[in-house]
PDB file of N, CA and C in Angstrom:
ATOM      1  N   MET A   1      31.540  26.341 184.016  1.00  0.00           N
ATOM      2  CA  MET A   1      31.368  24.888 183.402  1.00  0.00           C
ATOM      3  C   MET A   1      31.176  23.882 184.822  1.00  0.00           C
ATOM      4  N   ILE A   2      30.395  22.942 184.428  1.00  0.00           N
ATOM      5  CA  ILE A   2      30.081  21.727 185.435  1.00  0.00           C
ATOM      6  C   ILE A   2      30.545  20.552 184.721  1.00  0.00           C
ATOM      7  N   CYS A   3      30.941  19.911 185.777  1.00  0.00           N
ATOM      8  CA  CYS A   3      32.066  18.823 185.335  1.00  0.00           C
ATOM      9  C   CYS A   3      30.976  17.525 186.241  1.00  0.00           C
ATOM     10  N   VAL A   4      30.531  16.599 185.400  1.00  0.00           N
ATOM     11  CA  VAL A   4      29.464  15.771 185.891  1.00  0.00           C
ATOM     12  C   VAL A   4      30.336  14.450 185.960  1.00  0.00           C
ATOM     13  N   ALA A   5      30.353  13.916 187.197  1.00  0.00           N
ATOM     14  CA  ALA A   5      31.408  12.381 187.696  1.00  0.00           C
ATOM     15  C   ALA A   5      30.503  11.071 187.200  1.00  0.00           C
ATOM     16  N   ILE A   6      31.167  10.363 186.561  1.00  0.00           N
ATOM     17  CA  ILE A   6      30.689   8.867 185.960  1.00  0.00           C
ATOM     18  C   ILE A   6      31.446   7.994 186.684  1.00  0.00           C
ATOM     19  N   GLY A   7      30.675   7.212 187.575  1.00  0.00           N
ATOM     20  CA  GLY A   7      31.217   5.971 188.082  1.00  0.00           C
ATOM     21  C   GLY A   7      30.220   4.826 187.781  1.00  0.00           C
ATOM     22  N   ARG A   8      30.996   3.995 187.000  1.00  0.00           N
ATOM     23  CA  ARG A   8      30.494   2.775 186.509  1.00  0.00           C
ATOM     24  C   ARG A   8      31.310   1.469 186.856  1.00  0.00           C
ATOM     25  N   SER A   9      30.736   0.335 186.930  1.00  0.00           N
ATOM     26  CA  SER A   9      31.665  -0.820 186.890  1.00  0.00           C
ATOM     27  C   SER A   9      32.028  -1.533 185.431  1.00  0.00           C
ATOM     28  N   ARG A  10      31.406  -1.068 184.786  1.00  0.00           N
ATOM     29  CA  ARG A  10      31.646  -1.372 183.382  1.00  0.00           C
ATOM     30  C   ARG A  10      31.916  -0.667 182.225  1.00  0.00           C
ATOM     31  N   HIS A  11      32.685  -0.721 181.364  1.00  0.00           N
ATOM     32  CA  HIS A  11      33.154   0.357 180.278  1.00  0.00           C
ATOM     33  C   HIS A  11      31.932   0.428 179.152  1.00  0.00           C
ATOM     34  N   LYS A  12      31.311  -0.508 179.235  1.00  0.00           N
ATOM     35  CA  LYS A  12      30.033   0.056 178.132  1.00  0.00           C
ATOM     36  C   LYS A  12      28.942   0.914 178.963  1.00  0.00           C
ATOM     37  N   HIS A  13      28.662   0.588 180.434  1.00  0.00           N
ATOM     38  CA  HIS A  13      27.866   1.671 181.024  1.00  0.00           C
ATOM     39  C   HIS A  13      28.493   2.859 181.290  1.00  0.00           C
ATOM     40  N   VAL A  14      29.786   2.750 181.314  1.00  0.00           N
ATOM     41  CA  VAL A  14      30.471   4.279 181.210  1.00  0.00           C
ATOM     42  C   VAL A  14      30.258   4.998 180.125  1.00  0.00           C
ATOM     43  N   MET A  15      29.993   4.630 179.101  1.00  0.00           N
ATOM     44  CA  MET A  15      30.273   4.907 177.331  1.00  0.00           C
ATOM     45  C   MET A  15      28.843   5.229 177.323  1.00  0.00           C
ATOM     46  N   ALA A  16      27.785   4.466 177.575  1.00  0.00           N
ATOM     47  CA  ALA A  16      26.425   4.900 177.614  1.00  0.00           C
ATOM     48  C   ALA A  16      25.701   5.883 178.413  1.00  0.00           C
ATOM     49  N   GLU A  17      26.622   6.309 179.814  1.00  0.00           N
ATOM     50  CA  GLU A  17      26.298   7.170 180.419  1.00  0.00           C
ATOM     51  C   GLU A  17      26.840   8.545 179.871  1.00  0.00           C
ATOM     52  N   HIS A  18      27.985   8.397 179.482  1.00  0.00           N
ATOM     53  CA  HIS A  18      28.682   9.490 178.815  1.00  0.00           C
ATOM     54  C   HIS A  18      28.104  10.017 177.570  1.00  0.00           C
ATOM     55  N   LYS A  19      27.684   9.304 176.638  1.00  0.00           N
ATOM     56  CA  LYS A  19      26.619   9.641 175.633  1.00  0.00           C
ATOM     57  C   LYS A  19      25.600  10.213 175.934  1.00  0.00           C
ATOM     58  N   HIS A  20      24.864   9.778 176.997  1.00  0.00           N
ATOM     59  CA  HIS A  20      23.458  10.314 177.472  1.00  0.00           C
ATOM     60  C   HIS A  20      23.811  11.825 178.087  1.00  0.00           C
ATOM     61  N   LEU A  21      24.722  11.921 178.906  1.00  0.00           N
ATOM     62  CA  LEU A  21      25.116  13.013 179.576  1.00  0.00           C
ATOM     63  C   LEU A  21      25.307  14.311 178.240  1.00  0.00           C
ATOM     64  N   ALA A  22      26.391  13.879 177.399  1.00  0.00           N
ATOM     65  CA  ALA A  22      26.500  14.932 176.131  1.00  0.00           C
ATOM     66  C   ALA A  22      25.525  14.878 175.620  1.00  0.00           C
ATOM     67  N   GLU A  23      24.256  14.211 175.156  1.00  0.00           N
ATOM     68  CA  GLU A  23      22.994  14.641 174.456  1.00  0.00           C
ATOM     69  C   GLU A  23      22.423  15.455 175.389  1.00  0.00           C
ATOM     70  N   GLN A  24      22.690  15.471 176.615  1.00  0.00           N
ATOM     71  CA  GLN A  24      21.854  16.311 177.449  1.00  0.00           C
ATOM     72  C   GLN A  24      22.780  18.062 177.777  1.00  0.00           C
ATOM     73  N   GLY A  25      23.653  17.993 177.201  1.00  0.00           N
ATOM     74  CA  GLY A  25      24.391  19.037 177.055  1.00  0.00           C
ATOM     75  C   GLY A  25      25.692  19.361 178.052  1.00  0.00           C
ATOM     76  N   ALA A  26      26.167  17.927 178.702  1.00  0.00           N
ATOM     77  CA  ALA A  26      27.441  18.191 179.295  1.00  0.00           C
ATOM     78  C   ALA A  26      28.621  18.349 178.402  1.00  0.00           C
ATOM     79  N   LYS A  27      29.354  19.109 178.872  1.00  0.00           N
ATOM     80  CA  LYS A  27      30.812  19.575 177.971  1.00  0.00           C
ATOM     81  C   LYS A  27      31.870  18.803 178.393  1.00  0.00           C
ATOM     82  N   MET A  28      31.735  18.465 179.876  1.00  0.00           N
ATOM     83  CA  MET A  28      32.782  18.155 180.584  1.00  0.00           C
ATOM     84  C   MET A  28      32.672  16.833 181.774  1.00  0.00           C
ATOM     85  N   VAL A  29      33.092  15.510 181.722  1.00  0.00           N
ATOM     86  CA  VAL A  29      32.734  14.604 182.550  1.00  0.00           C
ATOM     87  C   VAL A  29      34.126  14.226 183.332  1.00  0.00           C
ATOM     88  N   GLU A  30      34.021  13.614 184.202  1.00  0.00           N
ATOM     89  CA  GLU A  30      35.052  13.049 185.285  1.00  0.00           C
ATOM     90  C   GLU A  30      34.683  11.607 185.154  1.00  0.00           C
ATOM     91  N   LEU A  31      35.816  10.743 184.198  1.00  0.00           N
ATOM     92  CA  LEU A  31      35.818   9.283 184.290  1.00  0.00           C
ATOM     93  C   LEU A  31      36.300   8.687 185.574  1.00  0.00           C
ATOM     94  N   ARG A  32      35.487   7.876 186.660  1.00  0.00           N
ATOM     95  CA  ARG A  32      36.112   7.514 187.521  1.00  0.00           C
ATOM     96  C   ARG A  32      36.564   6.260 187.398  1.00  0.00           C
ATOM     97  N   LEU A  33      37.765   5.868 187.436  1.00  0.00           N
ATOM     98  CA  LEU A  33      38.626   4.512 186.912  1.00  0.00           C
ATOM     99  C   LEU A  33      38.447   3.681 188.038  1.00  0.00           C
ATOM    100  N   ASP A  34      38.463   4.134 189.432  1.00  0.00           N
ATOM    101  CA  ASP A  34      38.428   3.506 190.493  1.00  0.00           C
ATOM    102  C   ASP A  34      36.774   2.625 190.611  1.00  0.00           C
ATOM    103  N   TYR A  35      36.110   2.845 189.894  1.00  0.00           N
ATOM    104  CA  TYR A  35      34.607   2.293 189.823  1.00  0.00           C
ATOM    105  C   TYR A  35      34.702   0.800 188.843  1.00  0.00           C
ATOM    106  N   LEU A  36      35.549   1.021 187.953  1.00  0.00           N
ATOM    107  CA  LEU A  36      35.661   0.096 187.175  1.00  0.00           C
ATOM    108  C   LEU A  36      36.240  -1.324 187.566  1.00  0.00           C
ATOM    109  N   SER A  37      35.359  -2.237 186.912  1.00  0.00           N
ATOM    110  CA  SER A  37      35.994  -3.829 187.495  1.00  0.00           C
ATOM    111  C   SER A  37      36.721  -4.347 186.219  1.00  0.00           C
ATOM    112  N   GLY A  38      37.489  -5.322 186.551  1.00  0.00           N
ATOM    113  CA  GLY A  38      38.242  -5.800 185.511  1.00  0.00           C
ATOM    114  C   GLY A  38      39.800  -4.923 184.951  1.00  0.00           C
ATOM    115  N   LYS A  39      40.074  -5.177 183.863  1.00  0.00           N
ATOM    116  CA  LYS A  39      40.813  -4.386 183.276  1.00  0.00           C
ATOM    117  C   LYS A  39      40.369  -3.033 182.673  1.00  0.00           C
ATOM    118  N   VAL A  40      41.281  -2.204 183.001  1.00  0.00           N
ATOM    119  CA  VAL A  40      40.686  -0.459 182.545  1.00  0.00           C
ATOM    120  C   VAL A  40      41.258  -0.441 181.324  1.00  0.00           C
ATOM    121  N   SER A  41      40.552  -0.216 180.071  1.00  0.00           N
ATOM    122  CA  SER A  41      41.212   0.552 178.999  1.00  0.00           C
ATOM    123  C   SER A  41      41.256   1.691 178.704  1.00  0.00           C
ATOM    124  N   ILE A  42      42.047   2.449 178.685  1.00  0.00           N
ATOM    125  CA  ILE A  42      41.947   4.088 178.737  1.00  0.00           C
ATOM    126  C   ILE A  42      41.812   4.327 177.278  1.00  0.00           C
ATOM    127  N   ARG A  43      42.451   3.671 176.311  1.00  0.00           N
ATOM    128  CA  ARG A  43      42.302   4.001 174.749  1.00  0.00           C
ATOM    129  C   ARG A  43      40.617   3.369 174.212  1.00  0.00           C
ATOM    130  N   ARG A  44      40.213   2.497 175.019  1.00  0.00           N
ATOM    131  CA  ARG A  44      38.863   2.084 174.573  1.00  0.00           C
ATOM    132  C   ARG A  44      37.942   3.398 175.225  1.00  0.00           C
ATOM    133  N   LEU A  45      38.338   3.807 176.304  1.00  0.00           N
ATOM    134  CA  LEU A  45      37.265   5.072 176.795  1.00  0.00           C
ATOM    135  C   LEU A  45      37.474   6.171 176.170  1.00  0.00           C
ATOM    136  N   MET A  46      38.784   6.560 175.747  1.00  0.00           N
ATOM    137  CA  MET A  46      38.870   7.696 174.871  1.00  0.00           C
ATOM    138  C   MET A  46      38.298   7.716 173.290  1.00  0.00           C
ATOM    139  N   ALA A  47      38.800   6.440 172.873  1.00  0.00           N
ATOM    140  CA  ALA A  47      38.136   6.300 171.340  1.00  0.00           C
ATOM    141  C   ALA A  47      36.479   6.277 171.339  1.00  0.00           C
ATOM    142  N   ASP A  48      35.847   5.996 172.454  1.00  0.00           N
ATOM    143  CA  ASP A  48      34.642   5.688 172.289  1.00  0.00           C
ATOM    144  C   ASP A  48      33.750   7.025 172.885  1.00  0.00           C
ATOM    145  N   ARG A  49      34.653   7.904 173.116  1.00  0.00           N
ATOM    146  CA  ARG A  49      33.898   9.074 173.897  1.00  0.00           C
ATOM    147  C   ARG A  49      33.134  10.198 172.638  1.00  0.00           C
ATOM    148  N   PRO A  50      31.946  10.781 173.436  1.00  0.00           N
ATOM    149  CA  PRO A  50      31.366  11.816 172.461  1.00  0.00           C
ATOM    150  C   PRO A  50      32.564  12.860 171.879  1.00  0.00           C
ATOM    151  N   ALA A  51      32.005  13.281 170.771  1.00  0.00           N
ATOM    152  CA  ALA A  51      32.672  14.253 170.436  1.00  0.00           C
ATOM    153  C   ALA A  51      32.391  15.561 170.929  1.00  0.00           C
ATOM    154  N   GLY A  52      33.545  16.223 171.297  1.00  0.00           N
ATOM    155  CA  GLY A  52      32.907  17.680 171.927  1.00  0.00           C
ATOM    156  C   GLY A  52      32.744  17.663 173.476  1.00  0.00           C
ATOM    157  N   THR A  53      33.303  16.578 174.195  1.00  0.00           N
ATOM    158  CA  THR A  53      33.065  16.691 175.566  1.00  0.00           C
ATOM    159  C   THR A  53      34.569  16.370 176.283  1.00  0.00           C
ATOM    160  N   GLN A  54      34.902  17.236 177.073  1.00  0.00           N
ATOM    161  CA  GLN A  54      36.261  17.155 177.738  1.00  0.00           C
ATOM    162  C   GLN A  54      36.281  16.115 178.785  1.00  0.00           C
ATOM    163  N   VAL A  55      37.246  15.432 179.130  1.00  0.00           N
ATOM    164  CA  VAL A  55      37.176  14.166 180.043  1.00  0.00           C
ATOM    165  C   VAL A  55      38.464  14.590 180.973  1.00  0.00           C
ATOM    166  N   ILE A  56      37.921  14.363 182.022  1.00  0.00           N
ATOM    167  CA  ILE A  56      39.025  14.224 183.709  1.00  0.00           C
ATOM    168  C   ILE A  56      38.878  12.724 184.166  1.00  0.00           C
ATOM    169  N   ILE A  57      40.272  12.417 183.898  1.00  0.00           N
ATOM    170  CA  ILE A  57      40.093  10.932 184.540  1.00  0.00           C
ATOM    171  C   ILE A  57      40.831  11.028 186.243  1.00  0.00           C
ATOM    172  N   THR A  58      39.986  10.096 186.685  1.00  0.00           N
ATOM    173  CA  THR A  58      40.356  10.339 188.102  1.00  0.00           C
ATOM    174  C   THR A  58      40.458   8.509 188.595  1.00  0.00           C
ATOM    175  N   CYS A  59      41.317   8.235 189.739  1.00  0.00           N
ATOM    176  CA  CYS A  59      41.160   6.829 190.363  1.00  0.00           C
ATOM    177  C   CYS A  59      41.695   7.088 191.592  1.00  0.00           C
ATOM    178  N   ARG A  60      40.574   7.409 192.374  1.00  0.00           N
ATOM    179  CA  ARG A  60      40.640   7.451 193.732  1.00  0.00           C
ATOM    180  C   ARG A  60      40.964   6.524 194.633  1.00  0.00           C
ATOM    181  N   ARG A  61      42.017   6.564 195.603  1.00  0.00           N
ATOM    182  CA  ARG A  61      42.051   5.365 197.103  1.00  0.00           C
ATOM    183  C   ARG A  61      41.211   5.519 197.719  1.00  0.00           C
ATOM    184  N   LYS A  62      41.107   4.433 198.429  1.00  0.00           N
ATOM    185  CA  LYS A  62      39.852   4.096 199.495  1.00  0.00           C
ATOM    186  C   LYS A  62      39.925   5.531 200.266  1.00  0.00           C
ATOM    187  N   GLU A  63      41.258   5.931 200.967  1.00  0.00           N
ATOM    188  CA  GLU A  63      41.706   6.801 201.671  1.00  0.00           C
ATOM    189  C   GLU A  63      41.083   8.259 201.345  1.00  0.00           C
ATOM    190  N   ASP A  64      40.781   8.385 199.955  1.00  0.00           N
ATOM    191  CA  ASP A  64      40.459   9.565 199.328  1.00  0.00           C
ATOM    192  C   ASP A  64      38.921   9.641 198.952  1.00  0.00           C
ATOM    193  N   GLY A  65      38.027   8.452 199.395  1.00  0.00           N
ATOM    194  CA  GLY A  65      36.670   8.422 199.199  1.00  0.00           C
ATOM    195  C   GLY A  65      36.555   7.509 198.013  1.00  0.00           C
ATOM    196  N   GLY A  66      37.380   7.063 197.501  1.00  0.00           N
ATOM    197  CA  GLY A  66      37.275   6.285 196.233  1.00  0.00           C
ATOM    198  C   GLY A  66      37.025   4.681 196.441  1.00  0.00           C
ATOM    199  N   LYS A  67      37.149   3.920 195.527  1.00  0.00           N
ATOM    200  CA  LYS A  67      37.229   2.551 195.361  1.00  0.00           C
ATOM    201  C   LYS A  67      38.026   1.700 195.030  1.00  0.00           C
ATOM    202  N   TRP A  68      39.273   2.220 194.924  1.00  0.00           N
ATOM    203  CA  TRP A  68      40.291   1.650 194.076  1.00  0.00           C
ATOM    204  C   TRP A  68      41.165   0.725 195.209  1.00  0.00           C
ATOM    205  N   SER A  69      41.158  -0.482 195.073  1.00  0.00           N
ATOM    206  CA  SER A  69      41.486  -1.504 195.691  1.00  0.00           C
ATOM    207  C   SER A  69      43.229  -2.333 195.162  1.00  0.00           C
ATOM    208  N   GLY A  70      43.400  -1.951 194.203  1.00  0.00           N
ATOM    209  CA  GLY A  70      44.982  -2.155 193.512  1.00  0.00           C
ATOM    210  C   GLY A  70      45.624  -1.303 194.408  1.00  0.00           C
ATOM    211  N   THR A  71      46.837  -1.722 193.787  1.00  0.00           N
ATOM    212  CA  THR A  71      48.439  -1.037 194.450  1.00  0.00           C
ATOM    213  C   THR A  71      48.355   0.303 194.003  1.00  0.00           C
ATOM    214  N   GLU A  72      49.330   1.136 194.748  1.00  0.00           N
ATOM    215  CA  GLU A  72      49.458   2.454 194.403  1.00  0.00           C
ATOM    216  C   GLU A  72      50.294   2.312 192.950  1.00  0.00           C
ATOM    217  N   GLU A  73      51.433   1.655 192.817  1.00  0.00           N
ATOM    218  CA  GLU A  73      51.815   1.610 191.652  1.00  0.00           C
ATOM    219  C   GLU A  73      50.816   1.409 190.491  1.00  0.00           C
ATOM    220  N   ALA A  74      49.767   0.434 190.372  1.00  0.00           N
ATOM    221  CA  ALA A  74      49.209   0.147 189.175  1.00  0.00           C
ATOM    222  C   ALA A  74      48.096   1.190 189.244  1.00  0.00           C
ATOM    223  N   ARG A  75      47.795   2.186 190.036  1.00  0.00           N
ATOM    224  CA  ARG A  75      47.158   3.252 189.950  1.00  0.00           C
ATOM    225  C   ARG A  75      47.935   4.365 189.303  1.00  0.00           C
ATOM    226  N   LEU A  76      49.040   4.492 190.019  1.00  0.00           N
ATOM    227  CA  LEU A  76      50.089   5.488 189.193  1.00  0.00           C
ATOM    228  C   LEU A  76      50.191   5.080 187.642  1.00  0.00           C
ATOM    229  N   LEU A  77      50.207   3.668 187.375  1.00  0.00           N
ATOM    230  CA  LEU A  77      50.610   3.553 185.664  1.00  0.00           C
ATOM    231  C   LEU A  77      49.170   3.646 185.083  1.00  0.00           C
ATOM    232  N   LEU A  78      48.062   3.565 185.770  1.00  0.00           N
ATOM    233  CA  LEU A  78      47.006   3.619 184.801  1.00  0.00           C
ATOM    234  C   LEU A  78      46.894   5.370 184.538  1.00  0.00           C
ATOM    235  N   LEU A  79      46.972   6.187 185.704  1.00  0.00           N
ATOM    236  CA  LEU A  79      47.336   7.323 185.320  1.00  0.00           C
ATOM    237  C   LEU A  79      48.143   8.322 184.218  1.00  0.00           C
ATOM    238  N   ARG A  80      49.493   7.580 184.518  1.00  0.00           N
ATOM    239  CA  ARG A  80      50.442   7.720 183.592  1.00  0.00           C
ATOM    240  C   ARG A  80      49.684   7.330 181.857  1.00  0.00           C
ATOM    241  N   GLU A  81      49.236   6.210 181.998  1.00  0.00           N
ATOM    242  CA  GLU A  81      48.658   5.733 180.428  1.00  0.00           C
ATOM    243  C   GLU A  81      47.723   6.707 180.261  1.00  0.00           C
ATOM    244  N   ALA A  82      46.857   7.381 181.025  1.00  0.00           N
ATOM    245  CA  ALA A  82      45.902   8.320 180.500  1.00  0.00           C
ATOM    246  C   ALA A  82      46.529   9.432 180.298  1.00  0.00           C
ATOM    247  N   ILE A  83      47.651   9.954 180.484  1.00  0.00           N
ATOM    248  CA  ILE A  83      48.516  11.092 180.366  1.00  0.00           C
ATOM    249  C   ILE A  83      48.906  10.682 178.709  1.00  0.00           C
ATOM    250  N   ALA A  84      49.763   9.793 178.467  1.00  0.00           N
ATOM    251  CA  ALA A  84      50.085   9.145 177.279  1.00  0.00           C
ATOM    252  C   ALA A  84      49.134   9.094 176.437  1.00  0.00           C
ATOM    253  N   GLU A  85      47.782   8.938 176.848  1.00  0.00           N
ATOM    254  CA  GLU A  85      46.872   8.978 175.694  1.00  0.00           C
ATOM    255  C   GLU A  85      46.198  10.532 175.113  1.00  0.00           C
ATOM    256  N   GLY A  86      46.859  11.032 175.961  1.00  0.00           N
ATOM    257  CA  GLY A  86      46.495  12.728 175.840  1.00  0.00           C
ATOM    258  C   GLY A  86      45.248  13.177 176.544  1.00  0.00           C
ATOM    259  N   VAL A  87      45.090  12.920 177.574  1.00  0.00           N
ATOM    260  CA  VAL A  87      43.467  13.097 178.359  1.00  0.00           C
ATOM    261  C   VAL A  87      44.305  14.158 179.218  1.00  0.00           C
TER     262      VAL A  87
END
């Protein structure tokens, strides 16, 4: 199975790309939270996802090749929220 990464700055763009990829046959996507600007809503991302697709949530630090500019504490809190939402 191939996992396609989605890195967009706005929730609506993430969801539009996720929908498009699902229509093209993607069964698994990686949602890159480090690309999102503003407050990240895991609940919204999960509620709006296309049916039948699996999701991997990542939030990569700059030293890991990502764009996360927040604190490590905030990053871990976001990842814990994803776990709590059942991702």
